[in-house]
Amino acid sequence: EDLSHDFHVFYTHNTILDPENPKLSNARLNLSLGVQIVIKKGLGILGVKAPDRM
């Protein structure tokens, strides 16, 4: 499987921002940002421009 699929499954089954659990929210937000960076860089290597927003 690939990163985008795995992240989609994660995102579908988890709340990223949970006001009742700021540490978990921070960890999940950082994970999301890390995945964004990896996908954007991977697309850049392939010569594909990543959308700014989805």
N, C-alpha and C. Protein backbone atom coordinates (compact mmCIF):
# COMPACT_ATOMS: atom_id res chain seq x y z
N GLU A 1 0.84 -1.18 0.00
CA GLU A 1 0.00 0.00 0.00
C GLU A 1 0.88 1.24 0.00
N ASP A 2 0.28 2.36 -0.24
CA ASP A 2 1.08 3.58 -0.30
C ASP A 2 0.70 4.56 0.80
N LEU A 3 1.52 5.57 0.94
CA LEU A 3 1.36 6.55 2.01
C LEU A 3 0.01 7.26 1.93
N SER A 4 -0.38 7.66 0.73
CA SER A 4 -1.65 8.40 0.62
C SER A 4 -2.83 7.54 1.05
N HIS A 5 -2.82 6.27 0.70
CA HIS A 5 -3.90 5.37 1.11
C HIS A 5 -3.89 5.18 2.63
N ASP A 6 -2.72 4.93 3.18
CA ASP A 6 -2.62 4.71 4.62
C ASP A 6 -3.06 5.95 5.40
N PHE A 7 -2.68 7.13 4.91
CA PHE A 7 -3.09 8.35 5.59
C PHE A 7 -4.60 8.56 5.46
N HIS A 8 -5.14 8.24 4.30
CA HIS A 8 -6.59 8.36 4.11
C HIS A 8 -7.34 7.49 5.13
N VAL A 9 -6.88 6.27 5.31
CA VAL A 9 -7.51 5.37 6.28
C VAL A 9 -7.38 5.96 7.69
N PHE A 10 -6.19 6.44 8.03
CA PHE A 10 -5.97 7.06 9.34
C PHE A 10 -6.90 8.25 9.53
N TYR A 11 -6.97 9.13 8.53
CA TYR A 11 -7.77 10.35 8.62
C TYR A 11 -9.26 10.03 8.73
N THR A 12 -9.69 8.99 8.05
CA THR A 12 -11.09 8.59 8.08
C THR A 12 -11.50 8.07 9.46
N HIS A 13 -10.58 7.42 10.15
CA HIS A 13 -10.91 6.78 11.42
C HIS A 13 -10.49 7.56 12.66
N ASN A 14 -9.86 8.71 12.48
CA ASN A 14 -9.37 9.47 13.63
C ASN A 14 -9.73 10.94 13.52
N THR A 15 -10.02 11.55 14.65
CA THR A 15 -10.22 12.99 14.71
C THR A 15 -8.85 13.63 14.88
N ILE A 16 -8.51 14.55 14.00
CA ILE A 16 -7.19 15.17 14.06
C ILE A 16 -7.13 16.17 15.22
N LEU A 17 -8.10 17.05 15.29
CA LEU A 17 -8.11 18.06 16.35
C LEU A 17 -9.16 17.71 17.39
N ASP A 18 -8.70 17.42 18.59
CA ASP A 18 -9.59 17.07 19.70
C ASP A 18 -9.31 18.05 20.84
N PRO A 19 -10.21 19.01 21.06
CA PRO A 19 -9.99 20.01 22.11
C PRO A 19 -9.78 19.41 23.50
N GLU A 20 -10.27 18.21 23.71
CA GLU A 20 -10.13 17.58 25.02
C GLU A 20 -8.78 16.87 25.19
N ASN A 21 -8.03 16.73 24.10
CA ASN A 21 -6.74 16.05 24.18
C ASN A 21 -5.72 16.80 23.31
N PRO A 22 -5.21 17.92 23.80
CA PRO A 22 -4.31 18.74 22.99
C PRO A 22 -3.00 18.05 22.61
N LYS A 23 -2.47 17.18 23.46
CA LYS A 23 -1.23 16.49 23.10
C LYS A 23 -1.44 15.54 21.93
N LEU A 24 -2.53 14.80 21.96
CA LEU A 24 -2.84 13.90 20.85
C LEU A 24 -3.14 14.71 19.59
N SER A 25 -3.86 15.81 19.74
CA SER A 25 -4.15 16.68 18.60
C SER A 25 -2.87 17.18 17.97
N ASN A 26 -1.93 17.60 18.79
CA ASN A 26 -0.66 18.11 18.29
C ASN A 26 0.11 17.01 17.55
N ALA A 27 0.12 15.82 18.10
CA ALA A 27 0.82 14.71 17.45
C ALA A 27 0.17 14.38 16.11
N ARG A 28 -1.15 14.33 16.07
CA ARG A 28 -1.85 14.01 14.83
C ARG A 28 -1.70 15.13 13.80
N LEU A 29 -1.68 16.36 14.25
CA LEU A 29 -1.48 17.48 13.34
C LEU A 29 -0.07 17.43 12.75
N ASN A 30 0.92 17.14 13.59
CA ASN A 30 2.29 17.02 13.09
C ASN A 30 2.44 15.86 12.12
N LEU A 31 1.78 14.75 12.40
CA LEU A 31 1.79 13.62 11.47
C LEU A 31 1.18 14.04 10.13
N SER A 32 0.07 14.75 10.18
CA SER A 32 -0.59 15.21 8.96
C SER A 32 0.32 16.13 8.16
N LEU A 33 0.98 17.04 8.83
CA LEU A 33 1.88 17.96 8.15
C LEU A 33 3.08 17.21 7.56
N GLY A 34 3.57 16.21 8.27
CA GLY A 34 4.68 15.41 7.76
C GLY A 34 4.29 14.65 6.50
N VAL A 35 3.10 14.08 6.51
CA VAL A 35 2.61 13.37 5.32
C VAL A 35 2.46 14.34 4.15
N GLN A 36 1.96 15.53 4.44
CA GLN A 36 1.81 16.55 3.40
C GLN A 36 3.17 16.86 2.76
N ILE A 37 4.18 17.03 3.57
CA ILE A 37 5.52 17.35 3.06
C ILE A 37 6.05 16.22 2.19
N VAL A 38 5.93 14.99 2.67
CA VAL A 38 6.45 13.84 1.93
C VAL A 38 5.73 13.69 0.58
N ILE A 39 4.41 13.81 0.59
CA ILE A 39 3.66 13.67 -0.67
C ILE A 39 4.01 14.80 -1.63
N LYS A 40 4.10 16.02 -1.12
CA LYS A 40 4.42 17.17 -1.97
C LYS A 40 5.81 17.01 -2.59
N LYS A 41 6.78 16.58 -1.79
CA LYS A 41 8.14 16.39 -2.32
C LYS A 41 8.17 15.24 -3.33
N GLY A 42 7.45 14.17 -3.04
CA GLY A 42 7.39 13.05 -3.97
C GLY A 42 6.78 13.45 -5.30
N LEU A 43 5.71 14.21 -5.25
CA LEU A 43 5.09 14.69 -6.49
C LEU A 43 6.04 15.62 -7.24
N GLY A 44 6.77 16.45 -6.49
CA GLY A 44 7.73 17.36 -7.11
C GLY A 44 8.82 16.60 -7.86
N ILE A 45 9.29 15.51 -7.29
CA ILE A 45 10.30 14.69 -7.95
C ILE A 45 9.75 14.14 -9.27
N LEU A 46 8.46 13.84 -9.28
CA LEU A 46 7.82 13.33 -10.49
C LEU A 46 7.44 14.44 -11.47
N GLY A 47 7.64 15.68 -11.06
CA GLY A 47 7.30 16.81 -11.93
C GLY A 47 5.84 17.19 -11.89
N VAL A 48 5.15 16.80 -10.82
CA VAL A 48 3.73 17.11 -10.67
C VAL A 48 3.58 18.15 -9.57
N LYS A 49 2.81 19.20 -9.85
CA LYS A 49 2.58 20.23 -8.85
C LYS A 49 1.44 19.79 -7.94
N ALA A 50 1.70 19.80 -6.64
CA ALA A 50 0.67 19.43 -5.67
C ALA A 50 -0.30 20.59 -5.49
N PRO A 51 -1.59 20.29 -5.32
CA PRO A 51 -2.54 21.37 -5.06
C PRO A 51 -2.26 22.01 -3.70
N ASP A 52 -2.54 23.30 -3.59
CA ASP A 52 -2.35 23.98 -2.32
C ASP A 52 -3.39 23.57 -1.30
N ARG A 53 -4.55 23.18 -1.80
CA ARG A 53 -5.65 22.85 -0.90
C ARG A 53 -6.54 21.81 -1.56
N MET A 54 -7.11 20.94 -0.74
CA MET A 54 -8.03 19.93 -1.29
C MET A 54 -9.35 20.01 -0.57
